[in-house]
């Protein structure tokens, strides 16, 4: 098992959509099953308002190469309803996020059928890699989508949702609910409300001087 990430996707500029196909076909069951252990390149770049970190890719996401691509995942609807994007993006449109100051990565890079297949040691190792990524790109906020994974990866057993009292690599941290459709504790609307709190903080940070992205790491 390797904890190394694949190279980040190149940051594209401009707002024009890809010519074809805008929405690729769904992978087959065989393609999804064959995606176990694969990784998806990080979607990162300079000047990010928020770097979102999932727990790890689903098999469906790994089969498509797109973050949060599994049908039923509420990430993209919540991102739109919270005001981060002006319309709901398809996972294949993830390339447009850096233009909006948004990025995506994962605590653990390898794809599994369920997040509970990850060991505590794997989450801790992934947290170290994520901290290094944050230190390199200096987003205004790091948002970890899953409080249980955050508690384990960063040894914060009492962490709760929302803005955290601690920073990672000098960058403020916000814990959001896991948007997976398996997380029945949250609806799209309650997820969007949680995302909107982060958006308000990120937007306020962009209007103030001396934000975390401008300061040296702690």
N, C-alpha and C. Protein backbone atom coordinates (compact mmCIF):
# COMPACT_ATOMS: atom_id res chain seq x y z
N UNK A 1 0.85 -1.20 0.00
CA UNK A 1 0.00 0.00 0.00
C UNK A 1 0.87 1.23 0.00
N UNK A 2 0.60 2.15 -0.85
CA UNK A 2 1.38 3.38 -0.94
C UNK A 2 0.56 4.55 -0.47
N UNK A 3 1.19 5.45 0.30
CA UNK A 3 0.51 6.65 0.77
C UNK A 3 0.80 7.85 -0.12
N UNK A 4 1.55 7.64 -1.19
CA UNK A 4 1.88 8.74 -2.07
C UNK A 4 0.68 9.14 -2.92
N UNK A 5 0.54 10.43 -3.15
CA UNK A 5 -0.54 10.93 -3.98
C UNK A 5 -0.09 10.99 -5.43
N UNK A 6 -1.05 10.94 -6.33
CA UNK A 6 -0.75 11.21 -7.72
C UNK A 6 -0.58 12.71 -7.91
N UNK A 7 0.10 13.12 -9.00
CA UNK A 7 0.28 14.56 -9.22
C UNK A 7 -1.06 15.27 -9.31
N UNK A 8 -1.03 16.54 -8.96
CA UNK A 8 -2.25 17.33 -9.02
C UNK A 8 -2.66 17.55 -10.46
N UNK A 9 -3.97 17.69 -10.66
CA UNK A 9 -4.47 18.05 -11.97
C UNK A 9 -3.96 19.43 -12.35
N UNK A 10 -3.66 19.66 -13.61
CA UNK A 10 -3.26 21.01 -14.01
C UNK A 10 -4.40 21.99 -13.83
N UNK A 11 -4.08 23.18 -13.37
CA UNK A 11 -5.10 24.20 -13.16
C UNK A 11 -5.44 24.84 -14.49
N UNK A 12 -6.71 24.79 -14.86
CA UNK A 12 -7.15 25.37 -16.11
C UNK A 12 -7.73 26.75 -15.85
N UNK A 13 -7.56 27.65 -16.76
CA UNK A 13 -8.12 28.99 -16.63
C UNK A 13 -9.19 29.20 -17.67
N UNK A 14 -10.03 30.21 -17.43
CA UNK A 14 -11.14 30.47 -18.35
C UNK A 14 -12.38 29.75 -17.89
N UNK A 15 -13.51 30.11 -18.45
CA UNK A 15 -14.79 29.57 -18.00
C UNK A 15 -15.49 28.73 -19.04
N UNK A 16 -14.89 28.53 -20.20
CA UNK A 16 -15.57 27.75 -21.23
C UNK A 16 -15.56 26.28 -20.89
N UNK A 17 -16.63 25.58 -21.16
CA UNK A 17 -16.76 24.17 -20.83
C UNK A 17 -16.01 23.33 -21.85
N UNK A 18 -15.62 22.10 -21.47
CA UNK A 18 -14.99 21.22 -22.43
C UNK A 18 -15.92 20.98 -23.61
N UNK A 19 -15.34 20.79 -24.80
CA UNK A 19 -16.16 20.67 -25.99
C UNK A 19 -16.98 19.39 -26.00
N UNK A 20 -16.36 18.24 -25.65
CA UNK A 20 -17.09 16.99 -25.64
C UNK A 20 -16.28 15.94 -24.91
N UNK A 21 -16.96 15.00 -24.22
CA UNK A 21 -18.37 15.12 -23.86
C UNK A 21 -18.48 15.87 -22.55
N UNK A 22 -19.49 16.71 -22.34
CA UNK A 22 -19.60 17.43 -21.09
C UNK A 22 -19.87 16.51 -19.91
N UNK A 23 -20.68 15.47 -20.14
CA UNK A 23 -21.01 14.53 -19.09
C UNK A 23 -20.71 13.12 -19.58
N UNK A 24 -19.60 12.54 -19.17
CA UNK A 24 -19.21 11.22 -19.66
C UNK A 24 -20.16 10.15 -19.19
N UNK A 25 -20.19 9.00 -19.86
CA UNK A 25 -21.08 7.92 -19.45
C UNK A 25 -20.68 7.34 -18.11
N UNK A 26 -21.65 6.75 -17.43
CA UNK A 26 -21.36 6.13 -16.14
C UNK A 26 -20.50 4.89 -16.33
N UNK A 27 -19.60 4.62 -15.38
CA UNK A 27 -18.80 3.41 -15.49
C UNK A 27 -19.65 2.16 -15.27
N UNK A 28 -19.20 1.05 -15.81
CA UNK A 28 -19.89 -0.22 -15.60
C UNK A 28 -19.57 -0.76 -14.21
N UNK A 29 -20.33 -1.76 -13.79
CA UNK A 29 -20.06 -2.38 -12.50
C UNK A 29 -18.66 -2.98 -12.47
N UNK A 30 -18.24 -3.55 -13.58
CA UNK A 30 -16.89 -4.13 -13.65
C UNK A 30 -15.82 -3.06 -13.52
N UNK A 31 -16.05 -1.91 -14.14
CA UNK A 31 -15.08 -0.81 -14.05
C UNK A 31 -15.00 -0.27 -12.63
N UNK A 32 -16.15 -0.19 -11.97
CA UNK A 32 -16.16 0.27 -10.58
C UNK A 32 -15.40 -0.70 -9.68
N UNK A 33 -15.68 -1.99 -9.84
CA UNK A 33 -15.01 -3.00 -9.01
C UNK A 33 -13.50 -2.99 -9.22
N UNK A 34 -13.09 -2.72 -10.45
CA UNK A 34 -11.66 -2.74 -10.78
C UNK A 34 -10.93 -1.50 -10.26
N UNK A 35 -11.66 -0.53 -9.73
CA UNK A 35 -11.04 0.73 -9.30
C UNK A 35 -10.50 0.67 -7.87
N UNK A 36 -10.66 -0.45 -7.17
CA UNK A 36 -10.17 -0.56 -5.79
C UNK A 36 -8.68 -0.26 -5.73
N UNK A 37 -8.32 0.62 -4.82
CA UNK A 37 -6.92 0.97 -4.62
C UNK A 37 -6.41 2.08 -5.52
N UNK A 38 -7.19 2.50 -6.49
CA UNK A 38 -6.73 3.59 -7.35
C UNK A 38 -6.75 4.93 -6.61
N UNK A 39 -6.14 5.92 -7.20
CA UNK A 39 -6.14 7.27 -6.65
C UNK A 39 -6.68 8.24 -7.68
N UNK A 40 -7.06 9.42 -7.21
CA UNK A 40 -7.51 10.51 -8.08
C UNK A 40 -6.56 11.68 -7.86
N UNK A 41 -6.09 12.32 -8.91
CA UNK A 41 -5.20 13.47 -8.70
C UNK A 41 -5.86 14.56 -7.86
N UNK A 42 -5.06 15.18 -7.01
CA UNK A 42 -5.54 16.32 -6.25
C UNK A 42 -5.89 17.47 -7.20
N UNK A 43 -6.89 18.21 -6.84
CA UNK A 43 -7.30 19.40 -7.61
C UNK A 43 -6.90 20.61 -6.77
N UNK A 44 -5.71 21.13 -7.01
CA UNK A 44 -5.16 22.19 -6.16
C UNK A 44 -4.52 23.27 -7.02
N UNK A 45 -4.21 24.37 -6.39
CA UNK A 45 -3.57 25.47 -7.08
C UNK A 45 -3.34 26.61 -6.11
N UNK A 46 -2.69 27.66 -6.55
CA UNK A 46 -2.44 28.81 -5.67
C UNK A 46 -3.69 29.64 -5.45
N UNK A 47 -3.70 30.34 -4.33
CA UNK A 47 -4.77 31.31 -4.08
C UNK A 47 -6.13 30.71 -3.78
N UNK A 48 -6.19 29.51 -3.21
CA UNK A 48 -7.48 28.88 -2.92
C UNK A 48 -8.15 29.51 -1.71
N UNK A 49 -9.44 29.74 -1.83
CA UNK A 49 -10.23 30.14 -0.66
C UNK A 49 -10.41 28.96 0.27
N UNK A 50 -10.78 27.82 -0.31
CA UNK A 50 -11.03 26.61 0.48
C UNK A 50 -10.45 25.40 -0.25
N UNK A 51 -9.73 24.57 0.50
CA UNK A 51 -9.32 23.26 0.01
C UNK A 51 -10.18 22.24 0.73
N UNK A 52 -11.08 21.59 0.00
CA UNK A 52 -11.95 20.56 0.57
C UNK A 52 -11.20 19.23 0.56
N UNK A 53 -11.27 18.51 1.67
CA UNK A 53 -10.65 17.20 1.75
C UNK A 53 -11.69 16.16 2.13
N UNK A 54 -11.97 15.24 1.19
CA UNK A 54 -12.80 14.10 1.52
C UNK A 54 -12.02 13.12 2.37
N UNK A 55 -12.66 12.04 2.78
CA UNK A 55 -11.96 11.01 3.55
C UNK A 55 -11.07 10.20 2.62
N UNK A 56 -11.66 9.59 1.62
CA UNK A 56 -10.93 8.90 0.55
C UNK A 56 -11.90 8.68 -0.60
N UNK A 57 -11.42 8.42 -1.80
CA UNK A 57 -12.32 8.26 -2.94
C UNK A 57 -13.14 6.97 -2.85
N UNK A 58 -14.37 7.04 -3.33
CA UNK A 58 -15.16 5.84 -3.51
C UNK A 58 -14.67 5.10 -4.75
N UNK A 59 -15.06 3.85 -4.89
CA UNK A 59 -14.69 3.11 -6.09
C UNK A 59 -15.28 3.77 -7.33
N UNK A 60 -16.48 4.30 -7.20
CA UNK A 60 -17.13 4.96 -8.34
C UNK A 60 -16.33 6.19 -8.76
N UNK A 61 -15.91 6.99 -7.78
CA UNK A 61 -15.12 8.17 -8.10
C UNK A 61 -13.81 7.79 -8.76
N UNK A 62 -13.16 6.76 -8.23
CA UNK A 62 -11.88 6.33 -8.81
C UNK A 62 -12.07 5.82 -10.23
N UNK A 63 -13.19 5.17 -10.50
CA UNK A 63 -13.45 4.66 -11.85
C UNK A 63 -13.65 5.80 -12.84
N UNK A 64 -14.21 6.91 -12.38
CA UNK A 64 -14.45 8.05 -13.27
C UNK A 64 -13.29 9.04 -13.29
N UNK A 65 -12.48 9.05 -12.22
CA UNK A 65 -11.43 10.04 -12.10
C UNK A 65 -11.93 11.38 -11.59
N UNK A 66 -13.16 11.41 -11.08
CA UNK A 66 -13.77 12.66 -10.61
C UNK A 66 -14.11 12.55 -9.13
N UNK A 67 -13.80 13.58 -8.39
CA UNK A 67 -14.08 13.61 -6.96
C UNK A 67 -15.59 13.66 -6.68
N UNK A 68 -16.00 12.96 -5.63
CA UNK A 68 -17.40 12.97 -5.17
C UNK A 68 -18.37 12.64 -6.31
N UNK A 69 -18.00 11.66 -7.13
CA UNK A 69 -18.78 11.36 -8.33
C UNK A 69 -19.88 10.33 -8.12
N UNK A 70 -19.84 9.62 -7.02
CA UNK A 70 -20.82 8.54 -6.82
C UNK A 70 -22.24 9.10 -6.78
N UNK A 71 -23.17 8.51 -7.53
CA UNK A 71 -24.56 8.97 -7.47
C UNK A 71 -25.08 8.92 -6.03
N UNK A 72 -25.72 9.98 -5.62
CA UNK A 72 -26.21 10.06 -4.25
C UNK A 72 -25.31 10.87 -3.34
N UNK A 73 -24.07 11.12 -3.76
CA UNK A 73 -23.21 11.99 -2.96
C UNK A 73 -23.72 13.43 -3.08
N UNK A 74 -23.81 14.12 -1.96
CA UNK A 74 -24.42 15.45 -1.94
C UNK A 74 -23.41 16.60 -2.00
N UNK A 75 -22.14 16.32 -2.27
CA UNK A 75 -21.14 17.38 -2.27
C UNK A 75 -21.47 18.47 -3.28
N UNK A 76 -21.71 18.09 -4.52
CA UNK A 76 -21.92 19.09 -5.57
C UNK A 76 -23.21 19.89 -5.36
N UNK A 77 -24.34 19.25 -4.97
CA UNK A 77 -25.53 20.05 -4.66
C UNK A 77 -25.30 20.99 -3.48
N UNK A 78 -24.62 20.52 -2.43
CA UNK A 78 -24.38 21.38 -1.27
C UNK A 78 -23.46 22.54 -1.62
N UNK A 79 -22.47 22.27 -2.47
CA UNK A 79 -21.55 23.33 -2.88
C UNK A 79 -22.31 24.45 -3.58
N UNK A 80 -23.27 24.07 -4.43
CA UNK A 80 -24.06 25.08 -5.15
C UNK A 80 -25.04 25.79 -4.23
N UNK A 81 -25.79 25.03 -3.45
CA UNK A 81 -26.83 25.63 -2.62
C UNK A 81 -26.25 26.54 -1.54
N UNK A 82 -25.00 26.30 -1.17
CA UNK A 82 -24.36 27.14 -0.16
C UNK A 82 -23.80 28.42 -0.75
N UNK A 83 -23.80 28.54 -2.08
CA UNK A 83 -23.32 29.75 -2.71
C UNK A 83 -21.88 29.71 -3.19
N UNK A 84 -21.21 28.57 -3.04
CA UNK A 84 -19.84 28.48 -3.53
C UNK A 84 -19.77 28.51 -5.06
N UNK A 85 -20.79 27.93 -5.72
CA UNK A 85 -20.83 27.95 -7.19
C UNK A 85 -22.17 28.50 -7.64
N UNK A 86 -22.20 29.11 -8.82
CA UNK A 86 -23.44 29.74 -9.29
C UNK A 86 -24.41 28.76 -9.91
N UNK A 87 -23.99 27.52 -10.11
CA UNK A 87 -24.88 26.46 -10.55
C UNK A 87 -24.32 25.14 -10.04
N UNK A 88 -25.14 24.09 -10.10
CA UNK A 88 -24.65 22.80 -9.66
C UNK A 88 -23.77 22.19 -10.74
N UNK A 89 -22.54 21.93 -10.39
CA UNK A 89 -21.59 21.35 -11.33
C UNK A 89 -21.71 19.84 -11.37
N UNK A 90 -21.47 19.27 -12.55
CA UNK A 90 -21.32 17.83 -12.67
C UNK A 90 -19.91 17.48 -12.21
N UNK A 91 -19.69 16.30 -11.60
CA UNK A 91 -18.33 15.96 -11.17
C UNK A 91 -17.28 16.09 -12.26
N UNK A 92 -17.65 15.87 -13.51
CA UNK A 92 -16.69 15.99 -14.60
C UNK A 92 -16.28 17.44 -14.86
N UNK A 93 -16.98 18.38 -14.24
CA UNK A 93 -16.65 19.80 -14.39
C UNK A 93 -15.75 20.29 -13.25
N UNK A 94 -15.18 19.36 -12.50
CA UNK A 94 -14.36 19.74 -11.35
C UNK A 94 -13.19 20.64 -11.74
N UNK A 95 -12.76 20.56 -12.98
CA UNK A 95 -11.63 21.38 -13.45
C UNK A 95 -11.87 22.88 -13.27
N UNK A 96 -13.16 23.29 -13.17
CA UNK A 96 -13.48 24.71 -13.08
C UNK A 96 -13.34 25.26 -11.66
N UNK A 97 -13.17 24.40 -10.67
CA UNK A 97 -13.17 24.86 -9.29
C UNK A 97 -12.02 25.82 -8.95
N UNK A 98 -10.78 25.56 -9.39
CA UNK A 98 -9.73 26.52 -9.04
C UNK A 98 -10.02 27.95 -9.47
N UNK A 99 -10.77 28.12 -10.58
CA UNK A 99 -11.14 29.47 -11.00
C UNK A 99 -12.03 30.15 -9.95
N UNK A 100 -12.74 29.34 -9.16
CA UNK A 100 -13.58 29.87 -8.09
C UNK A 100 -12.85 29.87 -6.75
N UNK A 101 -11.55 29.56 -6.76
CA UNK A 101 -10.77 29.54 -5.54
C UNK A 101 -11.01 28.32 -4.67
N UNK A 102 -11.41 27.22 -5.29
CA UNK A 102 -11.73 25.99 -4.56
C UNK A 102 -10.87 24.84 -5.05
N UNK A 103 -10.52 23.93 -4.15
CA UNK A 103 -9.75 22.75 -4.50
C UNK A 103 -10.29 21.53 -3.79
N UNK A 104 -9.86 20.35 -4.24
CA UNK A 104 -10.30 19.09 -3.65
C UNK A 104 -9.12 18.15 -3.50
N UNK A 105 -9.06 17.47 -2.36
CA UNK A 105 -8.10 16.41 -2.11
C UNK A 105 -8.78 15.38 -1.21
N UNK A 106 -8.01 14.47 -0.65
CA UNK A 106 -8.53 13.47 0.28
C UNK A 106 -7.52 13.24 1.39
N UNK A 107 -8.03 12.83 2.55
CA UNK A 107 -7.12 12.47 3.64
C UNK A 107 -6.28 11.26 3.22
N UNK A 108 -6.95 10.24 2.70
CA UNK A 108 -6.28 9.04 2.20
C UNK A 108 -6.53 8.95 0.71
N UNK A 109 -5.50 8.66 -0.05
CA UNK A 109 -5.61 8.74 -1.51
C UNK A 109 -6.28 7.53 -2.14
N UNK A 110 -6.14 6.33 -1.56
CA UNK A 110 -6.61 5.13 -2.24
C UNK A 110 -8.12 4.95 -2.12
N UNK A 111 -8.70 4.42 -3.17
CA UNK A 111 -10.15 4.22 -3.22
C UNK A 111 -10.55 2.91 -2.54
N UNK A 112 -11.66 2.97 -1.81
CA UNK A 112 -12.24 1.78 -1.19
C UNK A 112 -13.75 1.83 -1.37
N UNK A 113 -14.39 0.68 -1.14
CA UNK A 113 -15.85 0.64 -1.24
C UNK A 113 -16.50 1.45 -0.13
N UNK A 114 -15.89 1.45 1.05
CA UNK A 114 -16.42 2.19 2.20
C UNK A 114 -15.26 2.83 2.95
N UNK A 115 -15.52 3.99 3.55
CA UNK A 115 -14.47 4.68 4.29
C UNK A 115 -14.02 3.90 5.52
N UNK A 116 -14.92 3.06 6.08
CA UNK A 116 -14.53 2.32 7.28
C UNK A 116 -13.57 1.18 6.98
N UNK A 117 -13.18 1.00 5.72
CA UNK A 117 -12.14 0.04 5.39
C UNK A 117 -10.74 0.58 5.67
N UNK A 118 -10.64 1.87 5.95
CA UNK A 118 -9.35 2.49 6.23
C UNK A 118 -8.96 2.23 7.68
N UNK A 119 -7.71 1.93 7.91
CA UNK A 119 -7.22 1.70 9.27
C UNK A 119 -6.87 3.04 9.92
N UNK A 120 -6.86 3.09 11.26
CA UNK A 120 -6.44 4.33 11.93
C UNK A 120 -5.03 4.76 11.51
N UNK A 121 -4.13 3.81 11.35
CA UNK A 121 -2.76 4.16 10.95
C UNK A 121 -2.74 4.79 9.56
N UNK A 122 -3.61 4.31 8.68
CA UNK A 122 -3.68 4.87 7.33
C UNK A 122 -4.21 6.30 7.36
N UNK A 123 -5.17 6.55 8.23
CA UNK A 123 -5.71 7.90 8.36
C UNK A 123 -4.66 8.85 8.94
N UNK A 124 -3.90 8.39 9.92
CA UNK A 124 -2.85 9.23 10.50
C UNK A 124 -1.79 9.56 9.45
N UNK A 125 -1.37 8.55 8.69
CA UNK A 125 -0.39 8.80 7.63
C UNK A 125 -0.94 9.75 6.59
N UNK A 126 -2.23 9.59 6.24
CA UNK A 126 -2.86 10.50 5.29
C UNK A 126 -2.94 11.91 5.82
N UNK A 127 -3.16 12.05 7.13
CA UNK A 127 -3.20 13.38 7.73
C UNK A 127 -1.88 14.10 7.61
N UNK A 128 -0.78 13.35 7.72
CA UNK A 128 0.55 13.96 7.58
C UNK A 128 0.76 14.45 6.15
N UNK A 129 0.31 13.65 5.18
CA UNK A 129 0.44 14.05 3.78
C UNK A 129 -0.43 15.27 3.49
N UNK A 130 -1.64 15.27 4.06
CA UNK A 130 -2.54 16.41 3.85
C UNK A 130 -1.95 17.68 4.45
N UNK A 131 -1.36 17.57 5.63
CA UNK A 131 -0.74 18.74 6.26
C UNK A 131 0.37 19.31 5.37
N UNK A 132 1.14 18.43 4.75
CA UNK A 132 2.20 18.89 3.85
C UNK A 132 1.61 19.59 2.62
N UNK A 133 0.49 19.06 2.11
CA UNK A 133 -0.16 19.68 0.96
C UNK A 133 -0.68 21.07 1.32
N UNK A 134 -1.27 21.18 2.50
CA UNK A 134 -1.77 22.47 2.97
C UNK A 134 -0.61 23.46 3.14
N UNK A 135 0.48 22.99 3.67
CA UNK A 135 1.65 23.86 3.86
C UNK A 135 2.18 24.36 2.53
N UNK A 136 2.09 23.53 1.49
CA UNK A 136 2.59 23.93 0.18
C UNK A 136 1.69 24.97 -0.48
N UNK A 137 0.36 24.75 -0.44
CA UNK A 137 -0.54 25.59 -1.23
C UNK A 137 -1.18 26.73 -0.44
N UNK A 138 -1.18 26.66 0.90
CA UNK A 138 -1.65 27.74 1.75
C UNK A 138 -3.06 28.23 1.41
N UNK A 139 -4.06 27.33 1.40
CA UNK A 139 -5.43 27.81 1.18
C UNK A 139 -5.88 28.67 2.36
N UNK A 140 -6.91 29.46 2.14
CA UNK A 140 -7.43 30.29 3.23
C UNK A 140 -8.05 29.40 4.32
N UNK A 141 -8.73 28.34 3.91
CA UNK A 141 -9.29 27.36 4.85
C UNK A 141 -9.06 25.96 4.32
N UNK A 142 -8.83 25.02 5.22
CA UNK A 142 -8.90 23.59 4.93
C UNK A 142 -10.22 23.09 5.49
N UNK A 143 -11.02 22.44 4.66
CA UNK A 143 -12.30 21.88 5.10
C UNK A 143 -12.23 20.36 5.00
N UNK A 144 -12.31 19.67 6.12
CA UNK A 144 -12.29 18.22 6.15
C UNK A 144 -13.72 17.72 6.26
N UNK A 145 -14.11 16.87 5.31
CA UNK A 145 -15.50 16.42 5.24
C UNK A 145 -15.64 15.06 5.92
N UNK A 146 -15.82 15.11 7.22
CA UNK A 146 -15.98 13.90 8.02
C UNK A 146 -15.31 14.07 9.36
N UNK A 147 -16.11 14.25 10.42
CA UNK A 147 -15.53 14.54 11.73
C UNK A 147 -14.79 13.35 12.32
N UNK A 148 -15.29 12.14 12.09
CA UNK A 148 -14.62 10.96 12.65
C UNK A 148 -13.23 10.78 12.04
N UNK A 149 -13.14 10.94 10.73
CA UNK A 149 -11.83 10.84 10.07
C UNK A 149 -10.90 11.95 10.56
N UNK A 150 -11.41 13.14 10.73
CA UNK A 150 -10.58 14.25 11.22
C UNK A 150 -10.05 13.94 12.61
N UNK A 151 -10.91 13.45 13.49
CA UNK A 151 -10.47 13.13 14.86
C UNK A 151 -9.31 12.15 14.85
N UNK A 152 -9.41 11.13 14.00
CA UNK A 152 -8.37 10.11 13.95
C UNK A 152 -7.11 10.61 13.27
N UNK A 153 -7.27 11.23 12.11
CA UNK A 153 -6.11 11.65 11.32
C UNK A 153 -5.25 12.67 12.04
N UNK A 154 -5.88 13.55 12.83
CA UNK A 154 -5.13 14.64 13.46
C UNK A 154 -5.14 14.58 14.99
N UNK A 155 -5.48 13.40 15.54
CA UNK A 155 -5.45 13.20 16.99
C UNK A 155 -6.24 14.27 17.73
N UNK A 156 -7.45 14.50 17.26
CA UNK A 156 -8.35 15.46 17.89
C UNK A 156 -9.62 14.72 18.30
N UNK A 157 -9.57 13.86 19.32
CA UNK A 157 -10.70 12.98 19.64
C UNK A 157 -11.98 13.71 20.06
N UNK A 158 -11.87 14.96 20.47
CA UNK A 158 -13.05 15.71 20.92
C UNK A 158 -13.53 16.74 19.89
N UNK A 159 -12.99 16.68 18.69
CA UNK A 159 -13.37 17.65 17.67
C UNK A 159 -14.85 17.54 17.33
N UNK A 160 -15.47 18.68 17.05
CA UNK A 160 -16.87 18.73 16.63
C UNK A 160 -16.94 19.45 15.28
N UNK A 161 -18.15 19.56 14.75
CA UNK A 161 -18.34 20.22 13.47
C UNK A 161 -18.03 21.71 13.57
N UNK A 162 -17.69 22.29 12.43
CA UNK A 162 -17.48 23.72 12.36
C UNK A 162 -16.01 24.10 12.44
N UNK A 163 -15.78 25.37 12.71
CA UNK A 163 -14.41 25.89 12.77
C UNK A 163 -13.68 25.30 13.97
N UNK A 164 -12.44 24.90 13.76
CA UNK A 164 -11.66 24.25 14.80
C UNK A 164 -10.77 25.26 15.53
N UNK A 165 -10.50 24.98 16.82
CA UNK A 165 -9.62 25.89 17.56
C UNK A 165 -8.16 25.78 17.14
N UNK A 166 -7.80 24.67 16.51
CA UNK A 166 -6.42 24.44 16.08
C UNK A 166 -6.29 24.67 14.58
N UNK A 167 -5.05 24.87 14.15
CA UNK A 167 -4.74 25.02 12.73
C UNK A 167 -3.88 23.86 12.27
N UNK A 168 -3.85 23.66 10.96
CA UNK A 168 -2.97 22.67 10.36
C UNK A 168 -2.02 23.43 9.43
N UNK A 169 -0.74 23.29 9.69
CA UNK A 169 0.28 24.01 8.92
C UNK A 169 -0.01 25.51 8.91
N UNK A 170 -0.56 26.02 10.01
CA UNK A 170 -0.86 27.44 10.12
C UNK A 170 -2.14 27.88 9.45
N UNK A 171 -2.89 26.95 8.87
CA UNK A 171 -4.11 27.27 8.12
C UNK A 171 -5.35 26.91 8.95
N UNK A 172 -6.34 27.80 9.02
CA UNK A 172 -7.57 27.49 9.76
C UNK A 172 -8.28 26.27 9.18
N UNK A 173 -8.90 25.50 10.07
CA UNK A 173 -9.56 24.26 9.68
C UNK A 173 -11.04 24.34 10.00
N UNK A 174 -11.85 23.81 9.08
CA UNK A 174 -13.30 23.74 9.26
C UNK A 174 -13.69 22.28 9.00
N UNK A 175 -14.42 21.68 9.92
CA UNK A 175 -14.90 20.31 9.74
C UNK A 175 -16.35 20.36 9.29
N UNK A 176 -16.62 19.71 8.17
CA UNK A 176 -17.96 19.62 7.60
C UNK A 176 -18.45 18.18 7.65
N UNK A 177 -19.75 17.96 7.56
CA UNK A 177 -20.27 16.59 7.52
C UNK A 177 -19.83 15.86 6.25
N UNK A 178 -19.71 14.56 6.36
CA UNK A 178 -19.44 13.72 5.19
C UNK A 178 -20.65 13.80 4.26
N UNK A 179 -20.48 14.22 2.99
CA UNK A 179 -21.63 14.37 2.09
C UNK A 179 -22.10 13.08 1.46
N UNK A 180 -21.49 11.96 1.81
CA UNK A 180 -21.92 10.68 1.24
C UNK A 180 -23.41 10.45 1.47
N UNK A 181 -24.05 9.81 0.51
CA UNK A 181 -25.45 9.46 0.66
C UNK A 181 -25.69 8.50 1.80
N UNK A 182 -24.64 7.82 2.27
CA UNK A 182 -24.76 6.90 3.40
C UNK A 182 -24.88 7.63 4.73
N UNK A 183 -24.57 8.92 4.75
CA UNK A 183 -24.67 9.72 5.97
C UNK A 183 -26.09 10.25 6.11
N UNK A 184 -26.94 9.46 6.74
CA UNK A 184 -28.36 9.79 6.84
C UNK A 184 -28.65 10.89 7.85
N UNK A 185 -27.66 11.31 8.61
CA UNK A 185 -27.89 12.35 9.61
C UNK A 185 -28.06 13.73 8.97
N UNK A 186 -27.69 13.85 7.70
CA UNK A 186 -27.74 15.15 7.04
C UNK A 186 -28.50 15.05 5.72
N UNK A 187 -29.31 16.08 5.45
CA UNK A 187 -29.96 16.22 4.15
C UNK A 187 -29.14 17.18 3.30
N UNK A 188 -29.53 17.31 2.04
CA UNK A 188 -28.84 18.28 1.19
C UNK A 188 -28.96 19.68 1.79
N UNK A 189 -30.13 20.02 2.32
CA UNK A 189 -30.32 21.35 2.87
C UNK A 189 -29.47 21.60 4.10
N UNK A 190 -29.38 20.62 5.02
CA UNK A 190 -28.56 20.83 6.21
C UNK A 190 -27.07 20.81 5.87
N UNK A 191 -26.69 20.03 4.88
CA UNK A 191 -25.31 20.08 4.40
C UNK A 191 -25.00 21.45 3.82
N UNK A 192 -25.92 21.96 3.00
CA UNK A 192 -25.71 23.27 2.38
C UNK A 192 -25.59 24.36 3.44
N UNK A 193 -26.36 24.25 4.51
CA UNK A 193 -26.27 25.24 5.58
C UNK A 193 -24.90 25.21 6.24
N UNK A 194 -24.36 24.00 6.44
CA UNK A 194 -23.02 23.87 7.03
C UNK A 194 -21.96 24.43 6.09
N UNK A 195 -22.09 24.13 4.80
CA UNK A 195 -21.16 24.66 3.80
C UNK A 195 -21.23 26.19 3.76
N UNK A 196 -22.45 26.74 3.90
CA UNK A 196 -22.64 28.19 3.81
C UNK A 196 -21.93 28.92 4.94
N UNK A 197 -21.86 28.31 6.13
CA UNK A 197 -21.14 28.93 7.23
C UNK A 197 -19.66 29.08 6.87
N UNK A 198 -19.11 28.04 6.27
CA UNK A 198 -17.71 28.12 5.83
C UNK A 198 -17.55 29.16 4.73
N UNK A 199 -18.47 29.19 3.79
CA UNK A 199 -18.36 30.18 2.70
C UNK A 199 -18.35 31.60 3.25
N UNK A 200 -19.21 31.88 4.23
CA UNK A 200 -19.25 33.20 4.83
C UNK A 200 -17.91 33.56 5.46
N UNK A 201 -17.30 32.60 6.16
CA UNK A 201 -16.01 32.84 6.79
C UNK A 201 -14.92 33.03 5.74
N UNK A 202 -14.95 32.22 4.68
CA UNK A 202 -13.94 32.34 3.62
C UNK A 202 -14.07 33.66 2.88
N UNK A 203 -15.31 34.08 2.62
CA UNK A 203 -15.52 35.35 1.94
C UNK A 203 -15.09 36.53 2.81
N UNK A 204 -15.36 36.42 4.13
CA UNK A 204 -14.94 37.48 5.04
C UNK A 204 -13.42 37.58 5.07
N UNK A 205 -12.76 36.41 5.01
CA UNK A 205 -11.30 36.40 5.02
C UNK A 205 -10.71 37.05 3.80
N UNK A 206 -11.41 36.93 2.66
CA UNK A 206 -10.89 37.52 1.42
C UNK A 206 -10.97 39.04 1.45
N UNK A 207 -11.81 39.59 2.34
CA UNK A 207 -11.94 41.04 2.42
C UNK A 207 -11.05 41.65 3.50
N UNK A 208 -10.38 40.78 4.26
CA UNK A 208 -9.52 41.28 5.33
C UNK A 208 -8.07 41.08 4.97
N UNK A 209 -7.21 41.80 5.60
CA UNK A 209 -5.77 41.67 5.34
C UNK A 209 -5.15 40.71 6.33
N UNK A 210 -3.99 40.16 5.96
CA UNK A 210 -3.28 39.28 6.86
C UNK A 210 -3.98 37.97 7.10
N UNK A 211 -4.61 37.38 6.06
CA UNK A 211 -5.25 36.10 6.20
C UNK A 211 -4.22 35.01 6.33
N UNK A 212 -4.67 33.79 6.64
CA UNK A 212 -3.76 32.68 6.83
C UNK A 212 -2.94 32.42 5.59
N UNK A 213 -3.54 32.68 4.42
CA UNK A 213 -2.81 32.42 3.18
C UNK A 213 -1.64 33.38 3.01
N UNK A 214 -1.67 34.51 3.75
CA UNK A 214 -0.62 35.49 3.60
C UNK A 214 0.46 35.37 4.67
N UNK A 215 0.19 34.56 5.70
CA UNK A 215 1.13 34.48 6.81
C UNK A 215 2.00 33.25 6.70
N UNK A 216 3.19 33.28 7.26
CA UNK A 216 4.02 32.09 7.27
C UNK A 216 3.42 31.03 8.15
N UNK A 217 3.76 29.78 7.90
CA UNK A 217 3.21 28.68 8.69
C UNK A 217 3.65 28.75 10.13
N UNK A 218 2.78 28.22 10.99
CA UNK A 218 3.09 28.20 12.42
C UNK A 218 3.94 26.98 12.74
